[in-house]
Amino acid sequence: MKDIQSLVSDYTKDKKHLQLVIGIVREGDVEYYSFDNNNKKSMIPPEHKLFEIGSITKVFTSIFLLEMEKEKLLSSDDSVGKFVQNVENDYLNKITLRSLATHTSGLPILATNHNLAKKRSNPYSMYTEQDLTAFLSTADYTDSIGSFGYSNIAVGLLGYILCKVSGSTYDELLKKYITSPLKMNETAVMLDAEKNSRFLNGHASSGKRVPHWDLSIHVGAGGIKSSVSDLSLFVQANLNDDNPIASTLQKSHLPISIGNSNRYFGWGEDNLLDKVILWHNGGSAGFNSYLAFNKELRVGVVLLSNYSFFSNSLMDHYFAQIIKWMTKKEPSQGTMIDSTGIKILEEIMQREASLK
């Protein structure tokens, strides 16, 4: 494989406080690499440092849905209206839990009553259950049902519903369905004192330190913190059918034909070297993440960075995600970690293919 330093050099340059940790995953093996531009040295192994993983959380929320469906607590074909009983809105009876998970509900990226400027440093923390109810009472995106539209409010709503149905917190669902079965002991939303001591500070692309985010009602859309070690275990579980939640992970890998395209429970799909990869990225005010794998060659990659890819305004982040999902092109306002992850995965896949 090409020297990994050369593959990450464009991303790491000019980032004074950067901590970038990479997991290169094969079915039975993980290699870790780290790049630290911080002069302060830490005794914590890089692979066990914690980062906000942002929207990679959406994959976990979709897995909750599939697990709860397997337990017959609900169906992915149930209407959203069934679970928002204090709101009378026929639009909610036209969209399903499946459409929330696949970004085909028509819901916008953010609720129209979500004022980001209300607390720019922590924009989700101020959005309440009452705000969500008010938005859902008048929402009507019937004309967009079935069309792809990346939506934080949709998956946030899905997580909210799953917690309500189960009577559990998001962390309790996370432990029950994923982190306990896969022994991912460094992954959570709410961190205890020990985990918090390993939780990195985040930085905007300008290098300015920024506060950690509290996702509140939107926890299912982006609230998880994790390590490269844990997310590498998660990738391995997706590559290896010998684990406690293998059947659910396999179901999440199956394309769902919606309209003129294939969608997935949580995942995005791309092609690399004429092979399908499943992936998701994540971003918050101070962190950027990327996770992807190819099942045929049984390889994957995880990248976690404590640098965000936007600085000018919070909306840049959301527009960038839309651009990334819909056009596969790099947004102009900053450097996403995705392109670095794709380069690394391509090198791994080329090497594995040559050995077969």
Protein backbone atom coordinates (compact mmCIF):
# COMPACT_ATOMS: atom_id res chain seq x y z
CA MET A 1 0.00 0.00 0.00
CA LYS A 2 1.17 3.50 -0.76
CA ASP A 3 2.74 5.31 2.20
CA ILE A 4 -0.21 6.45 4.31
CA GLN A 5 1.54 9.73 5.15
CA SER A 6 1.29 10.75 1.50
CA LEU A 7 -2.39 9.82 1.41
CA VAL A 8 -3.27 12.08 4.34
CA SER A 9 -0.85 14.96 3.76
CA ASP A 10 -3.35 17.20 1.98
CA TYR A 11 -5.79 16.83 4.87
CA THR A 12 -3.33 17.21 7.75
CA LYS A 13 -1.42 20.27 6.58
CA ASP A 14 -2.05 23.61 8.31
CA LYS A 15 -4.24 22.10 11.06
CA LYS A 16 -2.47 23.13 14.24
CA HIS A 17 -4.53 21.16 16.77
CA LEU A 18 -5.41 18.23 14.53
CA GLN A 19 -5.75 14.71 15.83
CA LEU A 20 -6.57 12.30 13.03
CA VAL A 21 -6.92 8.59 13.78
CA ILE A 22 -7.41 5.94 11.12
CA GLY A 23 -8.44 2.30 11.31
CA ILE A 24 -7.69 0.10 8.30
CA VAL A 25 -9.95 -2.89 8.66
CA ARG A 26 -9.81 -6.37 7.27
CA GLU A 27 -12.13 -9.16 8.29
CA GLY A 28 -9.80 -10.43 10.99
CA ASP A 29 -7.33 -7.59 11.46
CA VAL A 30 -7.15 -3.86 12.17
CA GLU A 31 -4.19 -1.51 11.70
CA TYR A 32 -4.22 1.89 13.40
CA TYR A 33 -2.51 5.08 12.26
CA SER A 34 -2.54 8.46 13.94
CA PHE A 35 -1.46 11.97 13.01
CA ASP A 36 -1.19 14.48 15.84
CA ASN A 37 -0.31 18.12 15.26
CA ASN A 38 -0.82 18.97 18.93
CA ASN A 39 2.38 19.66 20.89
CA LYS A 40 0.77 18.28 24.05
CA LYS A 41 1.54 14.58 24.28
CA SER A 42 -1.04 12.20 25.69
CA MET A 43 -0.71 8.83 27.43
CA ILE A 44 -4.01 7.72 25.88
CA PRO A 45 -3.50 5.45 22.84
CA PRO A 46 -4.88 7.31 19.78
CA GLU A 47 -7.29 4.50 18.87
CA HIS A 48 -8.99 4.90 22.27
CA LYS A 49 -9.53 8.66 22.11
CA LEU A 50 -13.16 9.69 21.72
CA PHE A 51 -14.61 11.87 18.98
CA GLU A 52 -18.07 13.10 18.04
CA ILE A 53 -19.01 10.89 15.08
CA GLY A 54 -21.90 13.08 13.92
CA SER A 55 -24.18 11.58 11.30
CA ILE A 56 -22.60 8.12 11.37
CA THR A 57 -25.04 7.88 14.30
CA LYS A 58 -27.83 7.57 11.70
CA VAL A 59 -26.60 4.08 10.77
CA PHE A 60 -26.93 3.00 14.40
CA THR A 61 -30.45 4.43 14.64
CA SER A 62 -31.48 2.47 11.55
CA ILE A 63 -30.09 -0.71 13.11
CA PHE A 64 -32.24 -0.06 16.20
CA LEU A 65 -35.26 0.07 13.88
CA LEU A 66 -34.39 -3.28 12.31
CA GLU A 67 -33.73 -4.90 15.69
CA MET A 68 -37.00 -3.63 17.15
CA GLU A 69 -38.82 -4.85 14.04
CA LYS A 70 -37.28 -8.29 14.56
CA GLU A 71 -38.64 -8.22 18.12
CA LYS A 72 -42.07 -7.26 16.70
CA LEU A 73 -42.19 -4.07 18.71
CA LEU A 74 -43.05 -2.23 15.50
CA SER A 75 -42.72 -2.48 11.73
CA SER A 76 -40.61 -0.33 9.43
CA ASP A 77 -43.79 -0.01 7.36
CA ASP A 78 -45.71 1.56 10.26
CA SER A 79 -46.80 5.12 9.61
CA VAL A 80 -45.15 7.92 11.54
CA GLY A 81 -48.63 9.14 12.52
CA LYS A 82 -49.12 5.97 14.56
CA PHE A 83 -46.43 7.14 16.97
CA VAL A 84 -47.15 10.88 17.09
CA GLN A 85 -50.58 10.55 18.57
CA ASN A 86 -50.83 14.05 20.00
CA VAL A 87 -50.63 15.51 16.48
CA GLU A 88 -53.39 15.30 13.87
CA ASN A 89 -51.75 15.63 10.47
CA ASP A 90 -52.59 13.33 7.57
CA TYR A 91 -49.13 13.79 6.05
CA LEU A 92 -47.68 11.83 8.98
CA ASN A 93 -49.94 8.90 8.05
CA LYS A 94 -48.45 8.87 4.55
CA ILE A 95 -44.83 8.44 5.62
CA THR A 96 -43.31 5.44 7.37
CA LEU A 97 -40.47 4.64 9.72
CA ARG A 98 -38.70 3.15 6.68
CA SER A 99 -38.97 6.45 4.82
CA LEU A 100 -37.43 8.26 7.79
CA ALA A 101 -34.47 5.86 7.81
CA THR A 102 -33.95 6.09 4.03
CA HIS A 103 -34.35 9.89 3.74
CA THR A 104 -37.40 9.53 1.48
CA SER A 105 -40.08 11.04 3.75
CA GLY A 106 -39.94 14.46 2.10
CA LEU A 107 -38.97 16.09 5.39
CA PRO A 108 -36.40 18.90 5.01
CA ILE A 109 -32.87 18.73 6.37
CA LEU A 110 -33.98 20.76 9.40
CA ALA A 111 -37.40 21.60 10.81
CA THR A 112 -38.64 24.97 9.59
CA ASN A 113 -38.98 26.20 13.18
CA HIS A 114 -35.40 25.26 14.08
CA ASN A 115 -33.60 28.56 14.55
CA LEU A 116 -29.88 27.83 14.32
CA ALA A 117 -28.97 31.34 15.37
CA LYS A 118 -30.69 30.87 18.73
CA LYS A 119 -27.54 29.22 20.07
CA ARG A 120 -24.99 29.02 17.31
CA SER A 121 -22.34 27.29 19.43
CA ASN A 122 -24.69 24.39 20.28
CA PRO A 123 -27.56 24.64 17.77
CA TYR A 124 -29.47 21.46 18.56
CA SER A 125 -29.56 21.84 22.34
CA MET A 126 -32.34 24.44 22.27
CA TYR A 127 -34.74 22.41 20.09
CA THR A 128 -37.34 20.82 22.38
CA GLU A 129 -40.03 18.17 22.22
CA GLN A 130 -42.57 21.00 22.10
CA ASP A 131 -40.78 22.48 19.07
CA LEU A 132 -40.88 19.10 17.35
CA THR A 133 -44.62 18.72 18.03
CA ALA A 134 -45.30 22.21 16.70
CA PHE A 135 -43.37 21.48 13.50
CA LEU A 136 -45.07 18.11 12.92
CA SER A 137 -48.54 19.56 13.45
CA THR A 138 -48.30 21.61 10.24
CA ALA A 139 -45.63 19.79 8.20
CA ASP A 140 -46.75 18.70 4.74
CA TYR A 141 -44.18 17.46 2.24
CA THR A 142 -46.49 15.03 0.47
CA ASP A 143 -45.21 16.01 -2.97
CA SER A 144 -41.67 14.94 -2.02
CA ILE A 145 -42.48 11.54 -0.53
CA GLY A 146 -40.35 8.87 -2.20
CA SER A 147 -37.68 11.29 -3.37
CA PHE A 148 -34.31 11.33 -1.66
CA GLY A 149 -33.72 14.33 0.59
CA TYR A 150 -31.10 14.10 3.31
CA SER A 151 -32.83 14.97 6.57
CA ASN A 152 -31.53 15.40 10.10
CA ILE A 153 -35.03 15.99 11.43
CA ALA A 154 -36.27 12.74 9.85
CA VAL A 155 -33.70 10.50 11.54
CA GLY A 156 -33.90 12.58 14.71
CA LEU A 157 -37.65 11.89 14.69
CA LEU A 158 -36.99 8.19 14.09
CA GLY A 159 -34.70 8.00 17.12
CA TYR A 160 -37.26 9.89 19.20
CA ILE A 161 -39.99 7.41 18.19
CA LEU A 162 -37.83 4.34 18.89
CA CYS A 163 -37.03 5.62 22.38
CA LYS A 164 -40.71 6.31 23.06
CA VAL A 165 -41.85 2.88 21.83
CA SER A 166 -39.19 1.03 23.82
CA GLY A 167 -39.43 3.21 26.92
CA SER A 168 -35.64 3.46 26.81
CA THR A 169 -33.06 6.18 26.44
CA TYR A 170 -30.97 6.29 23.28
CA ASP A 171 -27.94 5.07 25.25
CA GLU A 172 -29.94 2.10 26.57
CA LEU A 173 -30.92 1.13 23.01
CA LEU A 174 -27.32 1.59 21.88
CA LYS A 175 -26.04 -0.73 24.60
CA LYS A 176 -28.75 -3.36 24.09
CA TYR A 177 -28.62 -3.63 20.32
CA ILE A 178 -25.06 -2.75 19.34
CA THR A 179 -22.36 -1.90 21.86
CA SER A 180 -22.95 -4.79 24.27
CA PRO A 181 -23.27 -7.52 21.58
CA LEU A 182 -20.23 -6.20 19.69
CA LYS A 183 -18.21 -5.30 22.82
CA MET A 184 -17.94 -1.67 21.75
CA ASN A 185 -17.30 -0.37 25.24
CA GLU A 186 -16.11 3.11 24.21
CA THR A 187 -19.27 4.18 22.36
CA ALA A 188 -22.02 6.25 23.99
CA VAL A 189 -23.98 9.48 23.91
CA MET A 190 -23.64 10.42 27.57
CA LEU A 191 -20.05 9.91 28.75
CA ASP A 192 -19.00 8.87 32.23
CA ALA A 193 -16.00 10.55 33.86
CA GLU A 194 -13.49 8.02 32.51
CA LYS A 195 -14.72 8.27 28.92
CA ASN A 196 -14.95 12.04 29.19
CA SER A 197 -11.25 12.15 30.07
CA ARG A 198 -10.57 10.66 26.61
CA PHE A 199 -13.01 12.93 24.76
CA LEU A 200 -11.10 15.33 22.51
CA ASN A 201 -11.73 19.02 22.02
CA GLY A 202 -13.14 19.87 18.62
CA HIS A 203 -11.98 22.61 16.27
CA ALA A 204 -13.56 24.55 13.43
CA SER A 205 -11.65 24.52 10.15
CA SER A 206 -10.12 27.86 11.20
CA GLY A 207 -8.46 26.06 14.13
CA LYS A 208 -10.68 27.73 16.73
CA ARG A 209 -11.78 25.47 19.56
CA VAL A 210 -15.56 25.02 19.60
CA PRO A 211 -17.98 23.58 22.18
CA HIS A 212 -19.16 20.00 22.06
CA TRP A 213 -22.69 19.54 20.75
CA ASP A 214 -25.73 18.36 22.69
CA LEU A 215 -28.13 16.86 20.15
CA SER A 216 -31.15 16.68 22.49
CA ILE A 217 -34.22 15.61 20.44
CA HIS A 218 -31.94 14.99 17.43
CA VAL A 219 -29.73 12.47 19.26
CA GLY A 220 -30.58 9.72 16.76
CA ALA A 221 -29.28 11.90 13.94
CA GLY A 222 -25.84 12.63 15.34
CA GLY A 223 -25.33 12.26 19.09
CA ILE A 224 -22.86 9.38 19.44
CA LYS A 225 -19.25 9.67 20.59
CA SER A 226 -16.88 6.84 19.78
CA SER A 227 -13.30 5.75 19.12
CA VAL A 228 -11.55 4.36 16.06
CA SER A 229 -11.09 1.11 17.98
CA ASP A 230 -14.83 0.70 18.52
CA LEU A 231 -15.84 1.78 15.03
CA SER A 232 -13.32 -0.65 13.58
CA LEU A 233 -15.08 -3.40 15.55
CA PHE A 234 -18.32 -2.18 14.01
CA VAL A 235 -16.87 -2.36 10.49
CA GLN A 236 -15.55 -5.85 11.19
CA ALA A 237 -19.03 -6.90 12.30
CA ASN A 238 -20.40 -5.64 8.99
CA LEU A 239 -17.78 -7.72 7.14
CA ASN A 240 -18.08 -10.85 9.27
CA ASP A 241 -21.28 -12.88 9.48
CA ASP A 242 -20.20 -14.51 12.76
CA ASN A 243 -21.49 -12.01 15.32
CA PRO A 244 -24.64 -11.62 17.45
CA ILE A 245 -26.32 -9.02 15.21
CA ALA A 246 -25.14 -10.35 11.83
CA SER A 247 -28.63 -10.91 10.43
CA THR A 248 -29.65 -7.32 11.18
CA LEU A 249 -26.45 -5.90 9.69
CA GLN A 250 -26.97 -8.05 6.59
CA LYS A 251 -30.48 -6.64 6.21
CA SER A 252 -29.10 -3.10 6.41
CA HIS A 253 -26.83 -3.96 3.46
CA LEU A 254 -29.74 -4.87 1.18
CA PRO A 255 -30.78 -2.16 -1.28
CA ILE A 256 -34.38 -0.97 -1.15
CA SER A 257 -35.82 0.16 -4.47
CA ILE A 258 -37.56 3.50 -3.92
CA GLY A 259 -38.53 5.49 -6.98
CA ASN A 260 -35.67 5.33 -9.46
CA SER A 261 -32.89 4.58 -7.01
CA ASN A 262 -31.69 2.18 -4.36
CA ARG A 263 -31.68 3.32 -0.76
CA TYR A 264 -30.52 1.59 2.42
CA PHE A 265 -31.34 1.51 6.11
CA GLY A 266 -28.83 4.15 7.18
CA TRP A 267 -26.10 3.57 4.62
CA GLY A 268 -25.07 5.48 1.53
CA GLU A 269 -23.86 3.58 -1.53
CA ASP A 270 -20.98 4.40 -3.83
CA ASN A 271 -18.79 2.59 -6.36
CA LEU A 272 -15.03 2.26 -6.08
CA LEU A 273 -12.94 0.18 -8.50
CA ASP A 274 -16.20 -1.11 -9.96
CA LYS A 275 -17.23 -2.51 -6.59
CA VAL A 276 -19.99 -1.36 -4.24
CA ILE A 277 -19.00 0.33 -1.01
CA LEU A 278 -21.38 1.21 1.80
CA TRP A 279 -20.46 4.32 3.76
CA HIS A 280 -21.51 7.19 5.96
CA ASN A 281 -19.81 10.39 7.01
CA GLY A 282 -20.37 12.74 9.90
CA GLY A 283 -19.68 16.30 10.87
CA SER A 284 -20.31 18.63 13.78
CA ALA A 285 -18.94 22.05 14.66
CA GLY A 286 -15.62 20.52 15.68
CA PHE A 287 -15.35 17.00 14.26
CA ASN A 288 -15.41 15.15 10.94
CA SER A 289 -15.73 11.39 10.41
CA TYR A 290 -15.89 8.81 7.64
CA LEU A 291 -16.60 5.08 7.65
CA ALA A 292 -16.80 2.80 4.60
CA PHE A 293 -16.37 -0.85 3.63
CA ASN A 294 -16.52 -3.28 0.71
CA LYS A 295 -18.04 -6.66 1.52
CA GLU A 296 -16.66 -8.47 -1.52
CA LEU A 297 -13.02 -7.87 -0.56
CA ARG A 298 -13.88 -7.71 3.16
CA VAL A 299 -12.05 -4.46 3.84
CA GLY A 300 -13.02 -1.14 5.33
CA VAL A 301 -11.74 2.11 6.76
CA VAL A 302 -12.56 4.46 9.65
CA LEU A 303 -11.28 8.03 9.94
CA LEU A 304 -11.98 10.33 12.88
CA SER A 305 -10.77 13.93 13.07
CA ASN A 306 -11.17 16.66 15.66
CA TYR A 307 -11.40 19.28 12.88
CA SER A 308 -14.61 20.30 11.22
CA PHE A 309 -14.81 21.14 7.53
CA PHE A 310 -16.76 24.39 7.88
CA SER A 311 -16.27 27.64 9.72
CA ASN A 312 -18.23 30.51 8.21
CA SER A 313 -21.71 29.47 9.27
CA LEU A 314 -23.50 26.43 10.56
CA MET A 315 -25.60 26.20 7.42
CA ASP A 316 -22.47 25.52 5.38
CA HIS A 317 -22.34 22.17 7.14
CA TYR A 318 -25.84 21.15 6.16
CA PHE A 319 -25.53 22.32 2.57
CA ALA A 320 -22.22 20.47 2.34
CA GLN A 321 -23.84 17.23 3.46
CA ILE A 322 -26.56 17.60 0.83
CA ILE A 323 -23.95 18.25 -1.86
CA LYS A 324 -21.89 15.27 -0.73
CA TRP A 325 -24.83 12.87 -0.69
CA MET A 326 -26.41 13.97 -3.96
CA THR A 327 -23.46 14.84 -6.18
CA LYS A 328 -20.55 12.93 -4.59
CA LYS A 329 -18.56 16.16 -5.03
CA GLU A 330 -16.41 17.90 -2.47
CA PRO A 331 -18.02 21.04 -0.98
CA SER A 332 -16.12 24.21 -1.67
CA GLN A 333 -16.09 25.74 1.81
CA GLY A 334 -13.73 23.29 3.49
CA THR A 335 -11.88 20.00 3.31
CA MET A 336 -13.98 16.99 4.19
CA ILE A 337 -12.24 13.88 5.43
CA ASP A 338 -14.16 11.74 2.92
CA SER A 339 -11.74 12.20 0.03
CA THR A 340 -8.84 11.03 2.22
CA GLY A 341 -10.86 8.01 3.37
CA ILE A 342 -11.74 7.09 -0.19
CA LYS A 343 -8.08 7.26 -1.26
CA ILE A 344 -7.07 4.97 1.60
CA LEU A 345 -9.89 2.51 0.92
CA GLU A 346 -9.02 2.43 -2.77
CA GLU A 347 -5.41 1.52 -1.94
CA ILE A 348 -6.56 -1.25 0.40
CA MET A 349 -8.98 -2.63 -2.17
CA GLN A 350 -6.36 -2.61 -4.91
CA ARG A 351 -3.95 -4.51 -2.68
CA GLU A 352 -6.55 -7.06 -1.60
CA ALA A 353 -7.73 -7.59 -5.18
CA SER A 354 -4.17 -8.25 -6.31
CA LEU A 355 -3.80 -10.98 -3.69
CA LYS A 356 -6.89 -12.89 -4.83
